[in-house]
Amino acid sequence: MALNLSPQQIEEMGQMWGDVLLPTIPLEKRLAGANPIEVINLFKQTNQLGKLSFSEIEELEFHLKNLKQQKKG
């Protein structure tokens, strides 16, 4: 069965599934294996850091530091 979806429909489906699934996955699992620099650059491009609370930014920094140490070690 083939689905004929427009790019807009695919984007909307991705947003919907992301809104449903991502909150159920712990942050450390979502960031596992991610390059810390690429993660920060994605936030800069879309200005998402401004939408995070201070505690969320601190948690992100903590996990990024751990990932960076793992990559070095």
N, C-alpha and C. Protein backbone atom coordinates (compact mmCIF):
# COMPACT_ATOMS: atom_id res chain seq x y z
N MET A 1 0.84 -1.18 0.00
CA MET A 1 0.00 0.00 0.00
C MET A 1 0.89 1.24 0.00
N ALA A 2 0.75 2.04 -0.98
CA ALA A 2 1.55 3.25 -1.11
C ALA A 2 0.77 4.45 -0.56
N LEU A 3 1.50 5.31 0.10
CA LEU A 3 0.90 6.56 0.59
C LEU A 3 1.42 7.71 -0.25
N ASN A 4 0.54 8.53 -0.69
CA ASN A 4 0.93 9.72 -1.43
C ASN A 4 0.77 10.92 -0.52
N LEU A 5 1.90 11.34 0.06
CA LEU A 5 1.88 12.46 0.99
C LEU A 5 2.72 13.61 0.45
N SER A 6 2.25 14.80 0.69
CA SER A 6 3.00 15.99 0.29
C SER A 6 4.10 16.23 1.32
N PRO A 7 5.13 16.99 0.95
CA PRO A 7 6.16 17.33 1.94
C PRO A 7 5.57 17.98 3.18
N GLN A 8 4.55 18.81 3.02
CA GLN A 8 3.90 19.46 4.15
C GLN A 8 3.23 18.43 5.07
N GLN A 9 2.57 17.43 4.48
CA GLN A 9 1.91 16.40 5.27
C GLN A 9 2.94 15.56 6.03
N ILE A 10 4.06 15.27 5.39
CA ILE A 10 5.12 14.51 6.05
C ILE A 10 5.68 15.30 7.23
N GLU A 11 5.90 16.59 7.02
CA GLU A 11 6.40 17.44 8.09
C GLU A 11 5.41 17.48 9.26
N GLU A 12 4.13 17.60 8.97
CA GLU A 12 3.11 17.64 10.02
C GLU A 12 3.05 16.31 10.78
N MET A 13 3.18 15.19 10.05
CA MET A 13 3.18 13.88 10.71
C MET A 13 4.41 13.74 11.61
N GLY A 14 5.55 14.18 11.12
CA GLY A 14 6.77 14.13 11.92
C GLY A 14 6.64 14.95 13.19
N GLN A 15 6.05 16.12 13.08
CA GLN A 15 5.83 16.98 14.25
C GLN A 15 4.89 16.30 15.23
N MET A 16 3.82 15.72 14.72
CA MET A 16 2.85 15.05 15.57
C MET A 16 3.49 13.88 16.31
N TRP A 17 4.21 13.02 15.60
CA TRP A 17 4.84 11.87 16.23
C TRP A 17 5.94 12.31 17.19
N GLY A 18 6.66 13.35 16.83
CA GLY A 18 7.69 13.87 17.72
C GLY A 18 7.10 14.39 19.02
N ASP A 19 5.97 15.08 18.92
CA ASP A 19 5.30 15.61 20.11
C ASP A 19 4.81 14.48 21.02
N VAL A 20 4.42 13.35 20.42
CA VAL A 20 3.89 12.23 21.18
C VAL A 20 5.00 11.36 21.75
N LEU A 21 6.01 11.05 20.93
CA LEU A 21 7.03 10.09 21.33
C LEU A 21 8.21 10.68 22.09
N LEU A 22 8.70 11.82 21.67
CA LEU A 22 9.92 12.37 22.28
C LEU A 22 9.82 12.60 23.78
N PRO A 23 8.70 13.09 24.29
CA PRO A 23 8.64 13.28 25.74
C PRO A 23 8.75 11.98 26.54
N THR A 24 8.49 10.84 25.91
CA THR A 24 8.56 9.57 26.62
C THR A 24 9.98 9.01 26.66
N ILE A 25 10.90 9.59 25.88
CA ILE A 25 12.27 9.10 25.82
C ILE A 25 13.14 10.01 26.69
N PRO A 26 13.89 9.44 27.63
CA PRO A 26 14.77 10.26 28.48
C PRO A 26 15.78 11.04 27.64
N LEU A 27 16.11 12.23 28.10
CA LEU A 27 17.02 13.10 27.38
C LEU A 27 18.35 12.42 27.08
N GLU A 28 18.89 11.67 28.05
CA GLU A 28 20.19 11.04 27.83
C GLU A 28 20.14 10.01 26.69
N LYS A 29 18.98 9.35 26.51
CA LYS A 29 18.86 8.41 25.39
C LYS A 29 18.73 9.15 24.07
N ARG A 30 18.01 10.28 24.10
CA ARG A 30 17.86 11.07 22.87
C ARG A 30 19.20 11.64 22.41
N LEU A 31 20.08 11.96 23.38
CA LEU A 31 21.37 12.56 23.03
C LEU A 31 22.49 11.52 22.89
N ALA A 32 22.21 10.27 23.21
CA ALA A 32 23.25 9.23 23.14
C ALA A 32 23.83 9.16 21.73
N GLY A 33 25.15 9.24 21.67
CA GLY A 33 25.84 9.16 20.39
C GLY A 33 25.84 10.44 19.58
N ALA A 34 25.20 11.47 20.09
CA ALA A 34 25.15 12.74 19.36
C ALA A 34 26.44 13.53 19.56
N ASN A 35 26.80 14.24 18.54
CA ASN A 35 27.96 15.13 18.62
C ASN A 35 27.50 16.42 19.31
N PRO A 36 28.09 16.74 20.48
CA PRO A 36 27.63 17.92 21.22
C PRO A 36 27.63 19.21 20.40
N ILE A 37 28.61 19.39 19.56
CA ILE A 37 28.69 20.61 18.75
C ILE A 37 27.53 20.67 17.76
N GLU A 38 27.19 19.53 17.15
CA GLU A 38 26.07 19.50 16.22
C GLU A 38 24.75 19.79 16.93
N VAL A 39 24.60 19.27 18.15
CA VAL A 39 23.37 19.51 18.92
C VAL A 39 23.21 21.00 19.20
N ILE A 40 24.27 21.63 19.68
CA ILE A 40 24.21 23.07 19.97
C ILE A 40 23.94 23.86 18.70
N ASN A 41 24.58 23.50 17.60
CA ASN A 41 24.37 24.21 16.34
C ASN A 41 22.92 24.11 15.88
N LEU A 42 22.27 22.97 16.10
CA LEU A 42 20.86 22.85 15.73
C LEU A 42 20.00 23.81 16.54
N PHE A 43 20.30 23.95 17.83
CA PHE A 43 19.55 24.89 18.65
C PHE A 43 19.79 26.32 18.19
N LYS A 44 21.02 26.65 17.84
CA LYS A 44 21.33 28.01 17.40
C LYS A 44 20.57 28.34 16.12
N GLN A 45 20.51 27.38 15.18
CA GLN A 45 19.87 27.64 13.89
C GLN A 45 18.38 27.93 14.04
N THR A 46 17.74 27.28 14.97
CA THR A 46 16.29 27.44 15.10
C THR A 46 15.90 28.29 16.31
N ASN A 47 16.88 28.79 17.04
CA ASN A 47 16.65 29.63 18.22
C ASN A 47 15.79 28.92 19.26
N GLN A 48 15.98 27.62 19.40
CA GLN A 48 15.20 26.84 20.35
C GLN A 48 15.67 27.03 21.79
N LEU A 49 16.92 27.44 21.98
CA LEU A 49 17.42 27.60 23.34
C LEU A 49 16.60 28.64 24.11
N GLY A 50 16.11 29.64 23.42
CA GLY A 50 15.31 30.67 24.07
C GLY A 50 13.99 30.15 24.61
N LYS A 51 13.54 29.00 24.12
CA LYS A 51 12.27 28.42 24.56
C LYS A 51 12.44 27.50 25.76
N LEU A 52 13.70 27.14 26.09
CA LEU A 52 13.94 26.23 27.20
C LEU A 52 13.97 26.97 28.52
N SER A 53 13.55 26.28 29.57
CA SER A 53 13.65 26.86 30.91
C SER A 53 15.11 26.77 31.36
N PHE A 54 15.44 27.51 32.40
CA PHE A 54 16.80 27.50 32.91
C PHE A 54 17.22 26.10 33.34
N SER A 55 16.32 25.37 34.00
CA SER A 55 16.66 24.01 34.44
C SER A 55 16.86 23.07 33.25
N GLU A 56 16.10 23.26 32.18
CA GLU A 56 16.28 22.43 30.98
C GLU A 56 17.63 22.71 30.33
N ILE A 57 18.04 23.97 30.32
CA ILE A 57 19.34 24.33 29.75
C ILE A 57 20.46 23.73 30.60
N GLU A 58 20.31 23.79 31.92
CA GLU A 58 21.32 23.18 32.80
C GLU A 58 21.40 21.68 32.56
N GLU A 59 20.25 21.01 32.40
CA GLU A 59 20.24 19.57 32.16
C GLU A 59 20.90 19.25 30.82
N LEU A 60 20.61 20.04 29.81
CA LEU A 60 21.23 19.85 28.51
C LEU A 60 22.74 20.02 28.60
N GLU A 61 23.20 21.06 29.29
CA GLU A 61 24.64 21.27 29.47
C GLU A 61 25.29 20.09 30.16
N PHE A 62 24.63 19.57 31.21
CA PHE A 62 25.16 18.44 31.95
C PHE A 62 25.34 17.23 31.03
N HIS A 63 24.31 16.93 30.25
CA HIS A 63 24.39 15.76 29.36
C HIS A 63 25.40 15.97 28.24
N LEU A 64 25.49 17.17 27.73
CA LEU A 64 26.47 17.45 26.67
C LEU A 64 27.89 17.32 27.20
N LYS A 65 28.13 17.78 28.44
CA LYS A 65 29.46 17.63 29.04
C LYS A 65 29.80 16.16 29.21
N ASN A 66 28.83 15.36 29.66
CA ASN A 66 29.07 13.93 29.81
C ASN A 66 29.37 13.26 28.47
N LEU A 67 28.62 13.65 27.43
CA LEU A 67 28.88 13.09 26.11
C LEU A 67 30.27 13.46 25.62
N LYS A 68 30.65 14.71 25.86
CA LYS A 68 31.96 15.18 25.43
C LYS A 68 33.06 14.40 26.15
N GLN A 69 32.91 14.16 27.45
CA GLN A 69 33.89 13.39 28.20
C GLN A 69 33.96 11.96 27.70
N GLN A 70 32.83 11.37 27.38
CA GLN A 70 32.81 10.00 26.85
C GLN A 70 33.55 9.93 25.52
N LYS A 71 33.37 10.93 24.67
CA LYS A 71 34.03 10.96 23.36
C LYS A 71 35.55 11.08 23.54
N LYS A 72 35.98 11.88 24.53
CA LYS A 72 37.41 12.06 24.78
C LYS A 72 38.03 10.81 25.38
N GLY A 73 37.29 10.18 26.31
CA GLY A 73 37.81 9.06 27.09
C GLY A 73 37.89 7.82 26.30
